[in-house]
Amino acid sequence: MEDSRTARDFPIVCVGGSAGGLDAYIRLLKHLPNDMGVAIVIVNHMRTFATRLHEILPSFTTMPVELISDSLRVEPNRVFIIPADRDLHVIRGNFQLEPISKPRGWPDVITVFLGSLAKHWNGKLIAVIVSGYDGDGAKALRAIKEVGGTTIAQRLDTAQQPDMPESAIASGFVDFVLSPEDIAKTIVQIARAGR
């Protein structure tokens, strides 16, 4: 009988960002091969307007880019985009969308998703925090480390808005501080080492 931790064991990379994140996502995706055996999940915290990332990012990667719908299966060699104004979880290898749990103030959708991954994903986890306001994601980095995951923050001088990576670094649970291009190289190394 399958429990809430799925037997699927390929790596998931969560890339969390907001303001200035588009630049980081593009620079990262341009340097990732399409056959790493890794699922890329971009968690961009937006509440006031619908995301267009699933329309913009296919120009910068040969991986399929998909807007997440409820119960969508997590698959490797794909880029998944969180819809606006929703919390995201992973249960039994599927994405689960919920109403946003923090409807006022700065969203914490990155923190929520990373916490879900730490509880429910068997494969390697890589948490990447890039450009954005506030500190979303930083509170969940300890949980990622505790399950053996890797944590990366964007180098502040390469981020259009350094608040989020700065908060991640200040948490004390960041393994690497890198440019988007070097983040891509590190993801490839981790993915290949796991094969």
N, C-alpha and C. Protein backbone atom coordinates (compact mmCIF):
# COMPACT_ATOMS: atom_id res chain seq x y z
N MET A 1 0.85 -1.20 0.00
CA MET A 1 0.00 0.00 0.00
C MET A 1 0.89 1.24 0.00
N GLU A 2 0.55 2.20 -0.86
CA GLU A 2 1.37 3.41 -0.99
C GLU A 2 0.96 4.43 0.06
N ASP A 3 1.92 4.98 0.79
CA ASP A 3 1.60 6.02 1.76
C ASP A 3 1.73 7.39 1.08
N SER A 4 1.70 8.45 1.88
CA SER A 4 1.74 9.80 1.29
C SER A 4 3.09 10.11 0.66
N ARG A 5 4.12 9.35 1.01
CA ARG A 5 5.43 9.51 0.35
C ARG A 5 5.45 8.55 -0.83
N THR A 6 5.47 9.08 -2.01
CA THR A 6 5.43 8.24 -3.21
C THR A 6 6.74 7.50 -3.40
N ALA A 7 6.67 6.39 -4.11
CA ALA A 7 7.87 5.64 -4.43
C ALA A 7 8.67 6.31 -5.54
N ARG A 8 8.11 7.29 -6.20
CA ARG A 8 8.81 7.98 -7.28
C ARG A 8 9.98 8.73 -6.68
N ASP A 9 11.15 8.61 -7.30
CA ASP A 9 12.34 9.07 -6.60
C ASP A 9 13.25 9.97 -7.43
N PHE A 10 12.76 10.56 -8.52
CA PHE A 10 13.60 11.51 -9.25
C PHE A 10 13.63 12.84 -8.50
N PRO A 11 14.64 13.66 -8.75
CA PRO A 11 14.74 14.93 -8.03
C PRO A 11 13.70 15.96 -8.46
N ILE A 12 13.29 16.77 -7.50
CA ILE A 12 12.49 17.96 -7.77
C ILE A 12 13.33 19.18 -7.41
N VAL A 13 13.35 20.14 -8.33
CA VAL A 13 13.98 21.43 -8.07
C VAL A 13 12.86 22.45 -7.92
N CYS A 14 12.74 23.05 -6.75
CA CYS A 14 11.80 24.15 -6.55
C CYS A 14 12.57 25.45 -6.69
N VAL A 15 12.16 26.28 -7.65
CA VAL A 15 12.77 27.60 -7.85
C VAL A 15 11.74 28.63 -7.38
N GLY A 16 12.02 29.27 -6.26
CA GLY A 16 11.09 30.24 -5.70
C GLY A 16 11.57 31.65 -5.91
N GLY A 17 10.67 32.52 -6.37
CA GLY A 17 11.02 33.91 -6.58
C GLY A 17 9.79 34.77 -6.70
N SER A 18 10.00 36.07 -6.91
CA SER A 18 8.88 36.98 -7.24
C SER A 18 9.44 38.14 -8.04
N ALA A 19 9.52 39.33 -7.46
CA ALA A 19 9.98 40.49 -8.23
C ALA A 19 11.39 40.26 -8.76
N GLY A 20 11.57 40.41 -10.07
CA GLY A 20 12.87 40.16 -10.68
C GLY A 20 13.12 38.69 -10.96
N GLY A 21 12.19 37.84 -10.59
CA GLY A 21 12.37 36.41 -10.77
C GLY A 21 12.45 35.99 -12.23
N LEU A 22 11.72 36.68 -13.10
CA LEU A 22 11.70 36.28 -14.51
C LEU A 22 13.11 36.23 -15.09
N ASP A 23 13.91 37.24 -14.80
CA ASP A 23 15.29 37.27 -15.29
C ASP A 23 16.05 36.03 -14.80
N ALA A 24 15.88 35.69 -13.54
CA ALA A 24 16.58 34.52 -12.98
C ALA A 24 16.08 33.23 -13.61
N TYR A 25 14.75 33.10 -13.79
CA TYR A 25 14.20 31.87 -14.39
C TYR A 25 14.75 31.67 -15.80
N ILE A 26 14.78 32.75 -16.58
CA ILE A 26 15.28 32.66 -17.96
C ILE A 26 16.75 32.26 -17.97
N ARG A 27 17.55 32.92 -17.17
CA ARG A 27 18.99 32.63 -17.14
C ARG A 27 19.25 31.20 -16.67
N LEU A 28 18.45 30.73 -15.74
CA LEU A 28 18.59 29.36 -15.25
C LEU A 28 18.18 28.34 -16.32
N LEU A 29 16.99 28.51 -16.89
CA LEU A 29 16.47 27.53 -17.85
C LEU A 29 17.33 27.44 -19.11
N LYS A 30 17.89 28.56 -19.53
CA LYS A 30 18.74 28.55 -20.74
C LYS A 30 19.96 27.65 -20.58
N HIS A 31 20.33 27.34 -19.34
CA HIS A 31 21.54 26.56 -19.08
C HIS A 31 21.24 25.16 -18.55
N LEU A 32 19.97 24.74 -18.59
CA LEU A 32 19.62 23.40 -18.14
C LEU A 32 19.31 22.50 -19.33
N PRO A 33 19.91 21.31 -19.41
CA PRO A 33 19.56 20.38 -20.48
C PRO A 33 18.14 19.83 -20.27
N ASN A 34 17.57 19.26 -21.33
CA ASN A 34 16.17 18.81 -21.26
C ASN A 34 16.04 17.34 -20.85
N ASP A 35 17.17 16.69 -20.49
CA ASP A 35 17.13 15.26 -20.22
C ASP A 35 17.81 14.89 -18.90
N MET A 36 17.71 15.78 -17.92
CA MET A 36 18.39 15.54 -16.63
C MET A 36 17.66 14.55 -15.75
N GLY A 37 16.40 14.28 -16.04
CA GLY A 37 15.61 13.42 -15.17
C GLY A 37 15.14 14.14 -13.91
N VAL A 38 14.94 15.44 -14.03
CA VAL A 38 14.57 16.30 -12.89
C VAL A 38 13.30 17.07 -13.24
N ALA A 39 12.40 17.23 -12.27
CA ALA A 39 11.24 18.10 -12.44
C ALA A 39 11.59 19.48 -11.89
N ILE A 40 11.35 20.52 -12.68
CA ILE A 40 11.58 21.90 -12.26
C ILE A 40 10.23 22.52 -11.92
N VAL A 41 10.07 23.03 -10.72
CA VAL A 41 8.81 23.65 -10.31
C VAL A 41 9.11 25.10 -9.95
N ILE A 42 8.54 26.02 -10.73
CA ILE A 42 8.74 27.45 -10.47
C ILE A 42 7.58 27.96 -9.64
N VAL A 43 7.90 28.40 -8.44
CA VAL A 43 6.90 28.91 -7.50
C VAL A 43 7.14 30.41 -7.37
N ASN A 44 6.38 31.16 -8.16
CA ASN A 44 6.50 32.61 -8.20
C ASN A 44 5.34 33.17 -7.40
N HIS A 45 5.62 33.90 -6.33
CA HIS A 45 4.48 34.30 -5.51
C HIS A 45 3.83 35.59 -6.02
N MET A 46 2.65 35.38 -6.60
CA MET A 46 1.84 36.49 -7.13
C MET A 46 0.41 36.27 -6.69
N ARG A 47 -0.25 37.36 -6.35
CA ARG A 47 -1.65 37.25 -5.96
C ARG A 47 -2.56 38.11 -6.82
N THR A 48 -2.05 39.20 -7.35
CA THR A 48 -2.94 40.19 -7.93
C THR A 48 -3.23 39.99 -9.41
N PHE A 49 -2.44 39.16 -10.11
CA PHE A 49 -2.74 38.93 -11.53
C PHE A 49 -2.27 37.53 -11.92
N ALA A 50 -2.88 36.99 -12.95
CA ALA A 50 -2.57 35.63 -13.38
C ALA A 50 -1.15 35.57 -13.94
N THR A 51 -0.50 34.45 -13.72
CA THR A 51 0.85 34.27 -14.25
C THR A 51 0.83 34.08 -15.76
N ARG A 52 1.87 34.55 -16.42
CA ARG A 52 2.07 34.30 -17.85
C ARG A 52 3.37 33.52 -18.08
N LEU A 53 3.96 33.05 -17.00
CA LEU A 53 5.25 32.37 -17.12
C LEU A 53 5.18 31.16 -18.05
N HIS A 54 4.04 30.44 -18.03
CA HIS A 54 3.91 29.26 -18.90
C HIS A 54 3.82 29.64 -20.38
N GLU A 55 3.57 30.91 -20.66
CA GLU A 55 3.56 31.40 -22.05
C GLU A 55 4.93 31.98 -22.43
N ILE A 56 5.64 32.55 -21.47
CA ILE A 56 6.92 33.22 -21.73
C ILE A 56 8.09 32.24 -21.76
N LEU A 57 8.14 31.33 -20.79
CA LEU A 57 9.34 30.52 -20.58
C LEU A 57 9.62 29.46 -21.65
N PRO A 58 8.62 28.95 -22.40
CA PRO A 58 8.96 27.97 -23.45
C PRO A 58 9.96 28.48 -24.48
N SER A 59 10.10 29.79 -24.61
CA SER A 59 11.10 30.34 -25.54
C SER A 59 12.53 30.12 -25.06
N PHE A 60 12.70 29.72 -23.80
CA PHE A 60 14.04 29.65 -23.21
C PHE A 60 14.44 28.24 -22.77
N THR A 61 13.62 27.25 -23.07
CA THR A 61 13.93 25.86 -22.72
C THR A 61 13.28 24.93 -23.73
N THR A 62 13.88 23.77 -23.93
CA THR A 62 13.26 22.76 -24.79
C THR A 62 12.42 21.78 -23.96
N MET A 63 12.41 21.95 -22.64
CA MET A 63 11.52 21.13 -21.81
C MET A 63 10.09 21.66 -21.94
N PRO A 64 9.09 20.77 -21.89
CA PRO A 64 7.71 21.25 -21.85
C PRO A 64 7.49 22.11 -20.60
N VAL A 65 6.73 23.20 -20.77
CA VAL A 65 6.41 24.10 -19.65
C VAL A 65 4.90 24.06 -19.46
N GLU A 66 4.47 23.79 -18.24
CA GLU A 66 3.05 23.57 -17.99
C GLU A 66 2.58 24.32 -16.76
N LEU A 67 1.42 24.97 -16.88
CA LEU A 67 0.77 25.58 -15.72
C LEU A 67 0.14 24.46 -14.90
N ILE A 68 0.41 24.43 -13.61
CA ILE A 68 -0.06 23.33 -12.76
C ILE A 68 -1.57 23.40 -12.58
N SER A 69 -2.22 22.25 -12.76
CA SER A 69 -3.63 22.08 -12.43
C SER A 69 -3.73 21.05 -11.32
N ASP A 70 -4.84 21.02 -10.61
CA ASP A 70 -5.00 20.13 -9.48
C ASP A 70 -4.89 18.68 -9.92
N SER A 71 -4.16 17.87 -9.18
CA SER A 71 -3.94 16.44 -9.41
C SER A 71 -3.02 16.14 -10.59
N LEU A 72 -2.39 17.15 -11.17
CA LEU A 72 -1.43 16.92 -12.24
C LEU A 72 -0.27 16.07 -11.71
N ARG A 73 0.14 15.07 -12.49
CA ARG A 73 1.23 14.18 -12.10
C ARG A 73 2.57 14.90 -12.23
N VAL A 74 3.44 14.75 -11.24
CA VAL A 74 4.79 15.30 -11.31
C VAL A 74 5.62 14.40 -12.22
N GLU A 75 6.24 14.96 -13.24
CA GLU A 75 7.03 14.19 -14.19
C GLU A 75 8.41 14.83 -14.36
N PRO A 76 9.43 14.03 -14.62
CA PRO A 76 10.76 14.59 -14.86
C PRO A 76 10.85 15.23 -16.24
N ASN A 77 11.90 16.02 -16.43
CA ASN A 77 12.19 16.68 -17.71
C ASN A 77 11.06 17.61 -18.15
N ARG A 78 10.45 18.25 -17.18
CA ARG A 78 9.40 19.23 -17.42
C ARG A 78 9.57 20.41 -16.48
N VAL A 79 8.99 21.54 -16.89
CA VAL A 79 8.97 22.74 -16.05
C VAL A 79 7.51 23.00 -15.68
N PHE A 80 7.24 23.08 -14.40
CA PHE A 80 5.89 23.30 -13.91
C PHE A 80 5.81 24.69 -13.27
N ILE A 81 4.69 25.37 -13.49
CA ILE A 81 4.49 26.74 -13.00
C ILE A 81 3.29 26.78 -12.07
N ILE A 82 3.47 27.34 -10.88
CA ILE A 82 2.34 27.48 -9.95
C ILE A 82 1.39 28.56 -10.48
N PRO A 83 0.06 28.30 -10.43
CA PRO A 83 -0.87 29.39 -10.77
C PRO A 83 -0.90 30.42 -9.65
N ALA A 84 -1.33 31.62 -9.99
CA ALA A 84 -1.40 32.70 -9.00
C ALA A 84 -2.44 32.38 -7.94
N ASP A 85 -2.21 32.89 -6.74
CA ASP A 85 -3.20 32.89 -5.67
C ASP A 85 -3.57 31.50 -5.18
N ARG A 86 -2.63 30.55 -5.27
CA ARG A 86 -2.89 29.20 -4.77
C ARG A 86 -1.68 28.71 -3.98
N ASP A 87 -1.94 27.88 -2.97
CA ASP A 87 -0.88 27.13 -2.30
C ASP A 87 -0.69 25.82 -3.06
N LEU A 88 0.54 25.32 -3.07
CA LEU A 88 0.88 24.12 -3.83
C LEU A 88 1.48 23.07 -2.89
N HIS A 89 1.00 21.83 -3.06
CA HIS A 89 1.50 20.69 -2.30
C HIS A 89 1.81 19.55 -3.27
N VAL A 90 2.55 18.55 -2.79
CA VAL A 90 2.74 17.30 -3.53
C VAL A 90 2.27 16.16 -2.64
N ILE A 91 1.31 15.38 -3.16
CA ILE A 91 0.77 14.24 -2.43
C ILE A 91 0.76 13.04 -3.37
N ARG A 92 1.42 11.97 -2.99
CA ARG A 92 1.46 10.72 -3.78
C ARG A 92 1.88 10.96 -5.23
N GLY A 93 2.84 11.84 -5.42
CA GLY A 93 3.37 12.06 -6.76
C GLY A 93 2.56 13.00 -7.63
N ASN A 94 1.51 13.60 -7.07
CA ASN A 94 0.67 14.55 -7.80
C ASN A 94 0.71 15.91 -7.13
N PHE A 95 0.56 16.95 -7.94
CA PHE A 95 0.40 18.29 -7.38
C PHE A 95 -1.00 18.43 -6.82
N GLN A 96 -1.10 19.14 -5.72
CA GLN A 96 -2.40 19.45 -5.13
C GLN A 96 -2.46 20.96 -4.89
N LEU A 97 -3.46 21.61 -5.45
CA LEU A 97 -3.64 23.05 -5.26
C LEU A 97 -4.67 23.30 -4.17
N GLU A 98 -4.40 24.29 -3.36
CA GLU A 98 -5.31 24.68 -2.27
C GLU A 98 -5.50 26.20 -2.32
N PRO A 99 -6.60 26.69 -1.75
CA PRO A 99 -6.74 28.15 -1.63
C PRO A 99 -5.54 28.70 -0.85
N ILE A 100 -5.09 29.88 -1.22
CA ILE A 100 -3.91 30.45 -0.58
C ILE A 100 -4.16 30.62 0.92
N SER A 101 -3.20 30.19 1.73
CA SER A 101 -3.40 30.17 3.18
C SER A 101 -3.08 31.52 3.83
N LYS A 102 -2.42 32.39 3.08
CA LYS A 102 -2.07 33.71 3.61
C LYS A 102 -2.55 34.76 2.61
N PRO A 103 -3.86 35.09 2.65
CA PRO A 103 -4.42 35.98 1.63
C PRO A 103 -4.03 37.45 1.77
N ARG A 104 -3.47 37.83 2.93
CA ARG A 104 -3.05 39.23 3.11
C ARG A 104 -1.56 39.29 3.42
N GLY A 105 -0.95 40.41 3.09
CA GLY A 105 0.48 40.55 3.32
C GLY A 105 1.27 39.78 2.27
N TRP A 106 2.56 39.58 2.52
CA TRP A 106 3.39 38.86 1.57
C TRP A 106 3.02 37.39 1.58
N PRO A 107 2.82 36.79 0.41
CA PRO A 107 2.48 35.35 0.36
C PRO A 107 3.64 34.50 0.89
N ASP A 108 3.31 33.27 1.31
CA ASP A 108 4.34 32.32 1.73
C ASP A 108 4.22 31.01 0.95
N VAL A 109 3.85 31.13 -0.33
CA VAL A 109 3.61 29.93 -1.15
C VAL A 109 4.88 29.09 -1.35
N ILE A 110 6.04 29.72 -1.37
CA ILE A 110 7.29 28.97 -1.52
C ILE A 110 7.55 28.16 -0.25
N THR A 111 7.37 28.79 0.90
CA THR A 111 7.53 28.10 2.18
C THR A 111 6.58 26.91 2.27
N VAL A 112 5.33 27.10 1.88
CA VAL A 112 4.32 26.03 1.94
C VAL A 112 4.72 24.87 1.05
N PHE A 113 5.14 25.15 -0.20
CA PHE A 113 5.49 24.08 -1.12
C PHE A 113 6.74 23.33 -0.66
N LEU A 114 7.76 24.06 -0.22
CA LEU A 114 8.98 23.40 0.25
C LEU A 114 8.68 22.50 1.46
N GLY A 115 7.80 22.96 2.34
CA GLY A 115 7.41 22.14 3.49
C GLY A 115 6.72 20.86 3.06
N SER A 116 5.87 20.96 2.03
CA SER A 116 5.18 19.78 1.51
C SER A 116 6.17 18.81 0.89
N LEU A 117 7.13 19.33 0.12
CA LEU A 117 8.15 18.47 -0.48
C LEU A 117 8.95 17.71 0.59
N ALA A 118 9.33 18.42 1.64
CA ALA A 118 10.12 17.80 2.70
C ALA A 118 9.37 16.65 3.35
N LYS A 119 8.05 16.74 3.41
CA LYS A 119 7.23 15.70 4.04
C LYS A 119 6.87 14.57 3.09
N HIS A 120 6.70 14.87 1.80
CA HIS A 120 6.03 13.91 0.92
C HIS A 120 6.80 13.46 -0.31
N TRP A 121 8.04 13.87 -0.50
CA TRP A 121 8.76 13.47 -1.72
C TRP A 121 9.95 12.60 -1.36
N ASN A 122 10.07 11.44 -2.02
CA ASN A 122 11.16 10.51 -1.72
C ASN A 122 12.46 10.87 -2.41
N GLY A 123 12.39 11.53 -3.56
CA GLY A 123 13.59 11.82 -4.34
C GLY A 123 14.39 12.97 -3.76
N LYS A 124 15.51 13.25 -4.40
CA LYS A 124 16.33 14.37 -3.99
C LYS A 124 15.53 15.67 -4.11
N LEU A 125 15.84 16.60 -3.25
CA LEU A 125 15.20 17.91 -3.29
C LEU A 125 16.27 18.98 -3.43
N ILE A 126 15.99 19.94 -4.31
CA ILE A 126 16.87 21.10 -4.46
C ILE A 126 15.98 22.33 -4.35
N ALA A 127 16.23 23.15 -3.35
CA ALA A 127 15.46 24.38 -3.15
C ALA A 127 16.33 25.56 -3.59
N VAL A 128 15.79 26.35 -4.50
CA VAL A 128 16.52 27.49 -5.05
C VAL A 128 15.70 28.75 -4.78
N ILE A 129 16.29 29.72 -4.13
CA ILE A 129 15.60 30.99 -3.85
C ILE A 129 16.27 32.08 -4.68
N VAL A 130 15.47 32.72 -5.54
CA VAL A 130 16.00 33.76 -6.42
C VAL A 130 15.34 35.10 -6.09
N SER A 131 15.56 36.06 -6.96
CA SER A 131 15.13 37.44 -6.78
C SER A 131 13.67 37.56 -6.33
N GLY A 132 13.42 38.44 -5.38
CA GLY A 132 12.05 38.70 -4.94
C GLY A 132 12.03 39.53 -3.67
N TYR A 133 10.88 40.13 -3.40
CA TYR A 133 10.68 40.88 -2.16
C TYR A 133 10.37 39.94 -1.02
N ASP A 134 10.58 40.41 0.21
CA ASP A 134 10.24 39.70 1.43
C ASP A 134 11.15 38.48 1.60
N GLY A 135 10.73 37.51 2.38
CA GLY A 135 11.60 36.38 2.70
C GLY A 135 10.96 35.03 2.48
N ASP A 136 9.99 34.94 1.56
CA ASP A 136 9.31 33.67 1.33
C ASP A 136 10.31 32.58 0.99
N GLY A 137 10.13 31.41 1.59
CA GLY A 137 10.99 30.26 1.37
C GLY A 137 12.03 30.04 2.44
N ALA A 138 12.51 31.11 3.06
CA ALA A 138 13.61 30.98 4.02
C ALA A 138 13.26 30.07 5.19
N LYS A 139 12.02 30.14 5.68
CA LYS A 139 11.63 29.36 6.86
C LYS A 139 11.60 27.86 6.59
N ALA A 140 11.52 27.45 5.32
CA ALA A 140 11.42 26.01 5.00
C ALA A 140 12.77 25.39 4.66
N LEU A 141 13.83 26.18 4.58
CA LEU A 141 15.12 25.63 4.15
C LEU A 141 15.68 24.63 5.15
N ARG A 142 15.43 24.85 6.41
CA ARG A 142 15.90 23.88 7.42
C ARG A 142 15.27 22.51 7.18
N ALA A 143 13.96 22.48 6.88
CA ALA A 143 13.28 21.20 6.64
C ALA A 143 13.86 20.49 5.41
N ILE A 144 14.20 21.26 4.38
CA ILE A 144 14.82 20.67 3.18
C ILE A 144 16.17 20.06 3.55
N LYS A 145 16.96 20.79 4.33
CA LYS A 145 18.27 20.26 4.76
C LYS A 145 18.10 19.01 5.62
N GLU A 146 17.09 18.99 6.47
CA GLU A 146 16.90 17.85 7.39
C GLU A 146 16.57 16.55 6.66
N VAL A 147 16.01 16.65 5.46
CA VAL A 147 15.72 15.44 4.67
C VAL A 147 16.80 15.20 3.62
N GLY A 148 17.95 15.88 3.77
CA GLY A 148 19.08 15.63 2.89
C GLY A 148 19.07 16.42 1.60
N GLY A 149 18.21 17.43 1.51
CA GLY A 149 18.13 18.25 0.30
C GLY A 149 19.27 19.26 0.21
N THR A 150 19.36 19.88 -0.95
CA THR A 150 20.36 20.92 -1.23
C THR A 150 19.65 22.25 -1.33
N THR A 151 20.23 23.29 -0.76
CA THR A 151 19.63 24.61 -0.77
C THR A 151 20.57 25.61 -1.43
N ILE A 152 20.00 26.44 -2.28
CA ILE A 152 20.79 27.40 -3.06
C ILE A 152 20.09 28.75 -3.05
N ALA A 153 20.86 29.82 -2.88
CA ALA A 153 20.34 31.18 -3.00
C ALA A 153 21.04 31.87 -4.15
N GLN A 154 20.30 32.72 -4.84
CA GLN A 154 20.90 33.51 -5.92
C GLN A 154 21.88 34.52 -5.32
N ARG A 155 23.03 34.67 -5.97
CA ARG A 155 24.02 35.65 -5.53
C ARG A 155 23.38 37.04 -5.59
N LEU A 156 23.52 37.79 -4.52
CA LEU A 156 22.78 39.05 -4.37
C LEU A 156 23.09 40.05 -5.48
N ASP A 157 24.34 40.08 -5.93
CA ASP A 157 24.68 41.06 -6.97
C ASP A 157 24.15 40.67 -8.34
N THR A 158 23.54 39.48 -8.47
CA THR A 158 22.94 39.06 -9.73
C THR A 158 21.41 39.12 -9.67
N ALA A 159 20.86 39.46 -8.51
CA ALA A 159 19.40 39.49 -8.31
C ALA A 159 18.86 40.91 -8.49
N GLN A 160 17.79 41.03 -9.24
CA GLN A 160 17.18 42.36 -9.41
C GLN A 160 16.59 42.86 -8.10
N GLN A 161 16.08 41.96 -7.27
CA GLN A 161 15.55 42.31 -5.96
C GLN A 161 16.10 41.29 -4.96
N PRO A 162 17.10 41.68 -4.15
CA PRO A 162 17.83 40.69 -3.34
C PRO A 162 17.16 40.26 -2.04
N ASP A 163 15.97 40.78 -1.68
CA ASP A 163 15.38 40.46 -0.37
C ASP A 163 15.26 38.96 -0.12
N MET A 164 14.67 38.23 -1.07
CA MET A 164 14.42 36.81 -0.83
C MET A 164 15.70 36.00 -0.71
N PRO A 165 16.66 36.13 -1.64
CA PRO A 165 17.90 35.37 -1.43
C PRO A 165 18.66 35.82 -0.18
N GLU A 166 18.57 37.10 0.16
CA GLU A 166 19.24 37.59 1.37
C GLU A 166 18.63 36.95 2.61
N SER A 167 17.30 36.83 2.65
CA SER A 167 16.63 36.17 3.78
C SER A 167 17.00 34.70 3.85
N ALA A 168 17.10 34.06 2.68
CA ALA A 168 17.49 32.65 2.64
C ALA A 168 18.90 32.47 3.23
N ILE A 169 19.82 33.31 2.80
CA ILE A 169 21.21 33.23 3.29
C ILE A 169 21.24 33.47 4.80
N ALA A 170 20.46 34.44 5.27
CA ALA A 170 20.43 34.77 6.70
C ALA A 170 19.87 33.63 7.54
N SER A 171 19.12 32.71 6.94
CA SER A 171 18.56 31.58 7.69
C SER A 171 19.65 30.65 8.21
N GLY A 172 20.82 30.68 7.56
CA GLY A 172 21.90 29.79 7.95
C GLY A 172 21.79 28.39 7.35
N PHE A 173 20.80 28.17 6.46
CA PHE A 173 20.58 26.84 5.89
C PHE A 173 20.76 26.82 4.37
N VAL A 174 21.67 27.63 3.85
CA VAL A 174 21.93 27.67 2.42
C VAL A 174 23.29 27.03 2.14
N ASP A 175 23.30 26.07 1.22
CA ASP A 175 24.55 25.38 0.85
C ASP A 175 25.40 26.18 -0.13
N PHE A 176 24.75 26.83 -1.09
CA PHE A 176 25.46 27.53 -2.16
C PHE A 176 24.83 28.89 -2.41
N VAL A 177 25.65 29.88 -2.72
CA VAL A 177 25.19 31.21 -3.15
C VAL A 177 25.81 31.44 -4.51
N LEU A 178 24.98 31.43 -5.56
CA LEU A 178 25.47 31.36 -6.94
C LEU A 178 24.67 32.24 -7.88
N SER A 179 25.27 32.56 -9.02
CA SER A 179 24.53 33.22 -10.11
C SER A 179 23.57 32.21 -10.72
N PRO A 180 22.53 32.66 -11.45
CA PRO A 180 21.61 31.70 -12.09
C PRO A 180 22.33 30.69 -12.99
N GLU A 181 23.35 31.14 -13.70
CA GLU A 181 24.08 30.23 -14.58
C GLU A 181 24.80 29.15 -13.78
N ASP A 182 25.38 29.53 -12.64
CA ASP A 182 26.07 28.56 -11.80
C ASP A 182 25.09 27.69 -11.02
N ILE A 183 23.91 28.23 -10.73
CA ILE A 183 22.86 27.39 -10.13
C ILE A 183 22.52 26.25 -11.09
N ALA A 184 22.39 26.57 -12.38
CA ALA A 184 22.09 25.55 -13.39
C ALA A 184 23.17 24.48 -13.40
N LYS A 185 24.44 24.88 -13.37
CA LYS A 185 25.54 23.91 -13.38
C LYS A 185 25.46 22.99 -12.15
N THR A 186 25.13 23.55 -11.01
CA THR A 186 25.05 22.76 -9.77
C THR A 186 23.88 21.78 -9.84
N ILE A 187 22.74 22.21 -10.37
CA ILE A 187 21.59 21.31 -10.54
C ILE A 187 21.98 20.13 -11.43
N VAL A 188 22.67 20.40 -12.53
CA VAL A 188 23.10 19.34 -13.45
C VAL A 188 24.03 18.37 -12.72
N GLN A 189 24.98 18.89 -11.95
CA GLN A 189 25.92 18.02 -11.22
C GLN A 189 25.18 17.12 -10.24
N ILE A 190 24.22 17.68 -9.49
CA ILE A 190 23.46 16.90 -8.51
C ILE A 190 22.62 15.84 -9.22
N ALA A 191 21.98 16.22 -10.32
CA ALA A 191 21.14 15.29 -11.06
C ALA A 191 21.97 14.13 -11.61
N ARG A 192 23.12 14.45 -12.17
CA ARG A 192 23.97 13.39 -12.77
C ARG A 192 24.59 12.50 -11.70
N ALA A 193 24.90 13.07 -10.54
CA ALA A 193 25.49 12.28 -9.45
C ALA A 193 24.48 11.25 -8.92
N GLY A 194 23.20 11.55 -9.04
CA GLY A 194 22.16 10.66 -8.54
C GLY A 194 21.81 9.52 -9.48
N ARG A 195 22.35 9.55 -10.70
CA ARG A 195 22.00 8.51 -11.69
C ARG A 195 22.82 7.26 -11.48
